[in-house]
Amino acid sequence: MLKDLLVGSQNHCRLLRFNAEDEVEPCSKNPIAVVHAYADGPYDRSSFHIAGRSDFVAMVAADLADSAIRKMSKENKIKEEEEESSRHPFVGLVDHVSIMPLSSQPDKKETDAAGRAARFVGERLSTAGVEVCYYGSADPPNYAPLADVRRNRTRFFQSGSIQGDESSNNTSRNKELGVATVGAPPQFVENCNVLLSPKCSWDVARSLTRTLRHRNKNKDGIVGVEALTLPYSHGRFEAACNLLEPQIGTCEEIERRVAQWAHSITSSNTIENDHDMDPVALLVERIYRVGTTANQCEAVLHKDWSQRSASFPKEIDNHDEQVYLQFINYINTPL
């Protein structure tokens, strides 16, 4: 099913690119592409990353979300007992749709376009029977941040196998389809997760999350970083981070703070280091991105795509094949 969703989205992009060449003012760069597709077995989740013109992104994302709802509602109905066993917090079959401007300092025109695109996707989901909670520029005049909407209008922080100190309100929802949070943040958001070794207990993992997270109570945290402690697999935990201001709170800064934290944990003898291993190697299995950066999206949109071009095969066709093969690899990676 996931492979079908990816291929369908790539074909939709291909059709839109073909039609774009017949426009009165054709695009100078690739107008739409699937940049990346990701599947995470331990979390039982997948994500698709699409970039391009806001109207094209809206059409592809709406069709993808609608197809996913229809396919999954037949094959994988949400039941309360399944929700409890899920490792990653979620509130619906299609849990989250985010439309983000690519420029580092988007103007009102860009943020408004992202908001309209998000509303377009949300309306399609509503038509399919999904309860939609909007955020950001898709939620005027409130413009509520995603975290606030999840906390105040959904059960996100009480779902899956999450074990946090957050509180949230229940929301009435279609038990089969659930809730979708759909919106547009003010700028591009990146994701960076820190997977810890089995040596790290829940409390130790939470100490890392508190180190990274930026809140009023933690002014020493990394600017723009939202962090959550999540169970992963085989007794491991990870700190899952949203980078709301990735030009300031970067993945590189997360790596630096993780190194400081690891040395602090070992020097305090919270975890024994019998073999004098490097503290990061002892406590951290990997630091990895989930998703894309704005630069990655722009690079794909500048690949050769025009059917009028003499090159063959097109760069974008090679890219589509690589995305598909990598997605298959993610799906087949052992838990």
Protein backbone atom coordinates (compact mmCIF):
# COMPACT_ATOMS: atom_id res chain seq x y z
CA MET A 1 0.00 0.00 0.00
CA LEU A 2 2.76 2.48 0.92
CA LYS A 3 4.58 1.78 -2.34
CA ASP A 4 1.35 2.44 -4.26
CA LEU A 5 0.90 5.76 -2.47
CA LEU A 6 4.42 6.85 -3.40
CA VAL A 7 4.14 5.79 -7.04
CA GLY A 8 0.75 7.48 -7.31
CA SER A 9 2.19 10.74 -5.98
CA GLN A 10 5.19 10.57 -8.31
CA ASN A 11 2.88 9.98 -11.28
CA HIS A 12 0.70 12.90 -10.21
CA CYS A 13 3.79 15.13 -10.07
CA ARG A 14 4.83 13.91 -13.51
CA LEU A 15 1.43 14.82 -14.96
CA LEU A 16 1.51 18.29 -13.39
CA ARG A 17 5.03 18.88 -14.77
CA PHE A 18 3.85 17.88 -18.24
CA ASN A 19 0.85 20.21 -18.06
CA ALA A 20 2.98 23.06 -16.70
CA GLU A 21 5.00 23.13 -19.94
CA ASP A 22 1.88 24.21 -21.84
CA GLU A 23 1.18 27.19 -19.60
CA VAL A 24 1.45 30.70 -21.03
CA GLU A 25 4.28 31.45 -18.63
CA PRO A 26 5.99 28.09 -18.02
CA CYS A 27 8.03 27.58 -14.86
CA SER A 28 11.76 28.22 -15.01
CA LYS A 29 12.34 25.43 -12.52
CA ASN A 30 10.71 22.12 -11.71
CA PRO A 31 7.20 23.01 -10.45
CA ILE A 32 6.59 19.88 -8.34
CA ALA A 33 8.37 16.75 -7.09
CA VAL A 34 8.38 14.15 -4.35
CA VAL A 35 11.64 15.04 -2.63
CA HIS A 36 11.77 12.21 -0.11
CA ALA A 37 9.70 9.33 1.27
CA TYR A 38 10.41 7.75 4.64
CA ALA A 39 9.17 4.69 6.53
CA ASP A 40 10.00 3.93 10.15
CA GLY A 41 9.15 0.38 11.20
CA PRO A 42 9.61 0.72 14.97
CA TYR A 43 7.26 3.72 14.99
CA ASP A 44 4.86 2.22 12.41
CA ARG A 45 4.75 5.49 10.50
CA SER A 46 5.67 6.89 7.11
CA SER A 47 6.03 10.36 5.63
CA PHE A 48 6.11 11.88 2.16
CA HIS A 49 7.89 15.15 1.40
CA ILE A 50 6.68 17.13 -1.61
CA ALA A 51 8.05 20.46 -2.86
CA GLY A 52 7.05 22.88 -5.57
CA ARG A 53 4.43 25.50 -6.40
CA SER A 54 1.96 25.88 -3.54
CA ASP A 55 -1.08 25.06 -5.71
CA PHE A 56 0.61 21.93 -7.10
CA VAL A 57 1.79 20.84 -3.64
CA ALA A 58 -1.78 21.26 -2.39
CA MET A 59 -3.20 19.06 -5.16
CA VAL A 60 -0.65 16.26 -4.76
CA ALA A 61 -0.80 16.33 -0.95
CA ALA A 62 -4.62 16.32 -0.96
CA ASP A 63 -4.78 13.34 -3.32
CA LEU A 64 -2.11 11.51 -1.31
CA ALA A 65 -3.87 12.13 2.01
CA ASP A 66 -7.25 11.17 0.59
CA SER A 67 -5.87 7.96 -0.96
CA ALA A 68 -4.10 7.07 2.28
CA ILE A 69 -7.30 7.53 4.29
CA ARG A 70 -9.34 5.39 1.92
CA LYS A 71 -6.77 2.60 1.73
CA MET A 72 -5.92 2.50 5.43
CA SER A 73 -9.50 2.76 6.63
CA LYS A 74 -10.14 -0.52 4.84
CA GLU A 75 -6.95 -2.28 5.96
CA ASN A 76 -6.04 -0.80 9.30
CA LYS A 77 -8.96 0.55 11.32
CA ILE A 78 -7.96 2.37 14.48
CA LYS A 79 -8.98 0.54 17.62
CA GLU A 80 -8.32 1.61 21.16
CA GLU A 81 -6.17 -1.43 21.88
CA GLU A 82 -4.08 -0.76 18.77
CA GLU A 83 -3.59 2.85 19.80
CA GLU A 84 -2.18 1.74 23.12
CA SER A 85 0.39 -0.52 21.47
CA SER A 86 1.58 2.05 18.94
CA ARG A 87 5.07 3.30 19.71
CA HIS A 88 4.78 6.75 18.17
CA PRO A 89 2.14 9.24 19.34
CA PHE A 90 -0.59 9.79 16.78
CA VAL A 91 -4.18 10.97 16.58
CA GLY A 92 -5.29 9.71 13.17
CA LEU A 93 -4.52 7.57 10.17
CA VAL A 94 -3.23 10.70 8.43
CA ASP A 95 -1.83 12.36 11.52
CA HIS A 96 -0.14 15.53 10.27
CA VAL A 97 0.05 17.59 7.07
CA SER A 98 2.40 20.57 7.08
CA ILE A 99 2.80 23.05 4.21
CA MET A 100 5.98 25.08 4.70
CA PRO A 101 7.54 27.99 2.78
CA LEU A 102 11.02 27.19 1.47
CA SER A 103 12.64 30.61 1.80
CA SER A 104 14.56 31.34 4.99
CA GLN A 105 12.64 34.56 5.60
CA PRO A 106 9.23 34.09 3.95
CA ASP A 107 7.06 37.15 3.38
CA LYS A 108 3.30 37.38 3.96
CA LYS A 109 2.57 36.34 0.38
CA GLU A 110 4.44 33.05 0.91
CA THR A 111 2.93 32.29 4.31
CA ASP A 112 -0.57 33.09 3.06
CA ALA A 113 -0.05 30.78 0.06
CA ALA A 114 1.08 28.00 2.40
CA GLY A 115 -1.97 28.57 4.58
CA ARG A 116 -4.33 28.35 1.58
CA ALA A 117 -2.65 25.16 0.42
CA ALA A 118 -3.04 23.64 3.88
CA ARG A 119 -6.73 24.56 3.97
CA PHE A 120 -7.18 22.91 0.55
CA VAL A 121 -5.72 19.66 1.91
CA GLY A 122 -7.75 19.94 5.10
CA GLU A 123 -11.00 20.38 3.20
CA ARG A 124 -10.32 17.19 1.24
CA LEU A 125 -9.71 15.32 4.49
CA SER A 126 -12.88 16.78 6.00
CA THR A 127 -14.85 15.58 2.99
CA ALA A 128 -13.43 12.09 3.60
CA GLY A 129 -14.81 12.20 7.16
CA VAL A 130 -11.67 13.20 9.05
CA GLU A 131 -11.82 15.70 11.89
CA VAL A 132 -9.28 18.41 11.00
CA CYS A 133 -7.50 20.72 13.45
CA TYR A 134 -5.77 23.65 11.72
CA TYR A 135 -2.70 25.52 12.94
CA GLY A 136 -0.34 28.28 11.83
CA SER A 137 -1.34 30.42 8.85
CA ALA A 138 -4.11 27.90 8.05
CA ASP A 139 -5.75 28.96 11.33
CA PRO A 140 -6.55 32.68 11.10
CA PRO A 141 -7.06 34.72 13.19
CA ASN A 142 -5.57 32.51 15.94
CA TYR A 143 -2.46 31.28 14.06
CA ALA A 144 -1.99 28.74 16.86
CA PRO A 145 1.32 26.80 16.87
CA LEU A 146 1.22 23.06 16.18
CA ALA A 147 2.26 22.14 19.73
CA ASP A 148 -0.60 24.17 21.22
CA VAL A 149 -3.17 22.60 18.90
CA ARG A 150 -1.91 19.11 19.70
CA ARG A 151 -1.99 19.82 23.42
CA ASN A 152 -5.32 21.66 23.61
CA ARG A 153 -7.41 20.02 20.89
CA THR A 154 -6.14 16.46 20.48
CA ARG A 155 -4.90 13.49 22.53
CA PHE A 156 -1.47 13.53 20.86
CA PHE A 157 0.42 13.79 24.16
CA GLN A 158 -1.60 10.92 25.61
CA SER A 159 -1.37 8.58 22.62
CA GLY A 160 0.80 5.69 21.49
CA SER A 161 3.34 4.66 24.10
CA ILE A 162 4.39 8.19 24.92
CA GLN A 163 5.53 8.71 28.51
CA GLY A 164 5.82 12.45 28.90
CA ASP A 165 4.90 15.08 31.41
CA GLU A 166 2.52 16.80 29.00
CA SER A 167 -1.21 17.20 29.50
CA SER A 168 -3.82 17.33 26.77
CA ASN A 169 -7.54 17.49 26.31
CA ASN A 170 -9.62 14.71 24.85
CA THR A 171 -11.40 15.42 21.59
CA SER A 172 -14.39 13.68 20.14
CA ARG A 173 -13.26 11.96 16.95
CA ASN A 174 -14.15 9.43 14.35
CA LYS A 175 -12.77 6.27 15.95
CA GLU A 176 -11.88 4.84 12.56
CA LEU A 177 -10.16 7.81 10.91
CA GLY A 178 -9.09 9.92 13.87
CA VAL A 179 -7.91 13.52 13.74
CA ALA A 180 -5.54 15.23 11.30
CA THR A 181 -3.53 18.29 12.32
CA VAL A 182 -3.12 20.37 9.16
CA GLY A 183 -1.38 23.69 8.91
CA ALA A 184 1.44 25.96 7.84
CA PRO A 185 4.21 27.07 10.22
CA PRO A 186 5.80 30.51 9.70
CA GLN A 187 8.98 28.97 8.25
CA PHE A 188 10.51 25.66 7.23
CA VAL A 189 10.75 23.19 10.12
CA GLU A 190 13.42 20.48 10.28
CA ASN A 191 13.45 17.29 12.34
CA CYS A 192 16.39 15.70 14.11
CA ASN A 193 16.20 12.67 16.40
CA VAL A 194 18.73 11.29 18.87
CA LEU A 195 18.50 7.51 19.29
CA LEU A 196 20.03 6.42 22.59
CA SER A 197 21.69 3.13 23.46
CA PRO A 198 19.99 0.52 25.69
CA LYS A 199 22.21 1.74 28.54
CA CYS A 200 20.00 4.83 28.83
CA SER A 201 16.96 4.52 31.08
CA TRP A 202 13.77 6.50 30.66
CA ASP A 203 14.97 9.05 33.23
CA VAL A 204 18.34 9.45 31.54
CA ALA A 205 16.64 9.90 28.16
CA ARG A 206 14.37 12.55 29.64
CA SER A 207 17.39 14.41 30.97
CA LEU A 208 18.65 14.76 27.38
CA THR A 209 15.26 15.98 26.20
CA ARG A 210 15.23 18.64 28.90
CA THR A 211 18.75 19.68 27.88
CA LEU A 212 17.77 20.18 24.25
CA ARG A 213 14.26 21.61 24.65
CA HIS A 214 13.82 25.37 24.56
CA ARG A 215 11.19 26.66 26.96
CA ASN A 216 10.71 29.59 29.29
CA LYS A 217 11.83 27.35 32.16
CA ASN A 218 14.89 26.21 30.23
CA LYS A 219 16.57 29.25 28.73
CA ASP A 220 19.69 27.16 28.27
CA GLY A 221 17.92 24.93 25.74
CA ILE A 222 18.51 25.29 22.01
CA VAL A 223 16.52 28.14 20.46
CA GLY A 224 13.51 26.91 18.49
CA VAL A 225 13.86 23.26 19.53
CA GLU A 226 10.82 21.29 20.65
CA ALA A 227 11.84 17.92 22.10
CA LEU A 228 9.93 14.86 23.23
CA THR A 229 11.16 11.63 24.84
CA LEU A 230 9.81 8.57 23.02
CA PRO A 231 10.22 4.81 23.45
CA TYR A 232 11.77 3.30 20.33
CA SER A 233 12.49 -0.44 20.06
CA HIS A 234 14.48 -3.11 21.91
CA GLY A 235 14.33 -1.14 25.16
CA ARG A 236 15.76 2.01 23.65
CA PHE A 237 14.55 5.61 23.86
CA GLU A 238 15.11 8.67 21.74
CA ALA A 239 14.78 12.44 21.89
CA ALA A 240 12.67 13.52 18.94
CA CYS A 241 13.26 17.16 18.03
CA ASN A 242 11.44 19.71 15.88
CA LEU A 243 13.72 22.55 14.80
CA LEU A 244 11.39 25.54 14.46
CA GLU A 245 14.27 27.91 13.67
CA PRO A 246 16.78 25.66 11.90
CA GLN A 247 19.06 28.54 10.93
CA ILE A 248 19.72 29.11 14.67
CA GLY A 249 18.92 25.83 16.39
CA THR A 250 20.72 23.53 13.97
CA CYS A 251 21.33 19.79 13.86
CA GLU A 252 24.99 20.59 14.41
CA GLU A 253 24.11 22.44 17.61
CA ILE A 254 22.09 19.41 18.75
CA GLU A 255 25.14 17.20 18.15
CA ARG A 256 27.27 19.59 20.22
CA ARG A 257 24.80 19.65 23.11
CA VAL A 258 24.41 15.87 23.00
CA ALA A 259 28.18 15.51 23.37
CA GLN A 260 28.17 17.84 26.38
CA TRP A 261 25.28 15.92 27.93
CA ALA A 262 26.97 12.54 27.38
CA HIS A 263 30.17 13.70 29.09
CA SER A 264 28.11 15.09 31.96
CA ILE A 265 26.21 11.81 32.42
CA THR A 266 29.36 9.67 32.48
CA SER A 267 31.35 12.04 34.68
CA SER A 268 28.56 12.02 37.27
CA ASN A 269 28.62 8.19 37.27
CA THR A 270 24.93 8.10 36.40
CA ILE A 271 25.93 5.36 33.94
CA GLU A 272 29.06 3.32 34.48
CA ASN A 273 31.70 3.44 31.78
CA ASP A 274 33.76 0.36 32.62
CA HIS A 275 35.74 0.29 29.39
CA ASP A 276 36.50 4.00 29.19
CA MET A 277 34.49 4.35 25.98
CA ASP A 278 33.88 7.72 24.41
CA PRO A 279 30.75 8.99 26.24
CA VAL A 280 28.86 9.70 23.00
CA ALA A 281 29.63 6.25 21.61
CA LEU A 282 28.52 4.73 24.93
CA LEU A 283 25.16 6.52 25.15
CA VAL A 284 24.15 7.46 21.61
CA GLU A 285 23.49 5.06 18.73
CA ARG A 286 22.85 7.72 16.10
CA ILE A 287 21.66 11.25 15.45
CA TYR A 288 19.54 11.36 12.32
CA ARG A 289 17.25 13.58 10.34
CA VAL A 290 13.67 12.64 9.56
CA GLY A 291 12.61 14.42 6.42
CA THR A 292 14.32 17.13 4.45
CA THR A 293 15.87 20.55 4.59
CA ALA A 294 14.81 23.56 2.52
CA ASN A 295 18.10 23.30 0.61
CA GLN A 296 17.39 19.67 -0.30
CA CYS A 297 13.98 20.66 -1.63
CA GLU A 298 15.43 23.51 -3.70
CA ALA A 299 18.11 21.21 -5.12
CA VAL A 300 15.47 18.77 -6.38
CA LEU A 301 13.39 21.57 -7.87
CA HIS A 302 16.41 22.71 -9.89
CA LYS A 303 16.97 19.31 -11.49
CA ASP A 304 16.42 19.00 -15.24
CA TRP A 305 12.73 18.19 -15.71
CA SER A 306 11.47 19.69 -18.99
CA GLN A 307 10.36 17.28 -21.69
CA ARG A 308 11.75 19.79 -24.18
CA SER A 309 15.22 19.28 -22.77
CA ALA A 310 17.61 17.17 -24.84
CA SER A 311 18.93 15.20 -21.87
CA PHE A 312 17.63 11.68 -21.34
CA PRO A 313 16.77 10.25 -18.94
CA LYS A 314 15.77 13.43 -17.13
CA GLU A 315 17.46 14.17 -13.83
CA ILE A 316 14.07 14.24 -12.17
CA ASP A 317 13.28 10.74 -13.44
CA ASN A 318 16.50 9.42 -11.93
CA HIS A 319 15.60 11.20 -8.71
CA ASP A 320 12.14 9.57 -8.63
CA GLU A 321 13.72 6.14 -9.01
CA GLN A 322 16.19 6.83 -6.19
CA VAL A 323 13.40 7.99 -3.89
CA TYR A 324 11.42 4.83 -4.64
CA LEU A 325 14.37 2.48 -4.06
CA GLN A 326 15.32 4.22 -0.81
CA PHE A 327 11.70 4.00 0.37
CA ILE A 328 11.69 0.24 -0.29
CA ASN A 329 14.89 0.01 1.72
CA TYR A 330 13.26 1.84 4.64
CA ILE A 331 10.24 -0.48 4.49
CA ASN A 332 12.42 -3.60 4.47
CA THR A 333 14.78 -2.49 7.25
CA PRO A 334 14.46 -4.91 10.18
CA LEU A 335 12.89 -3.59 13.37
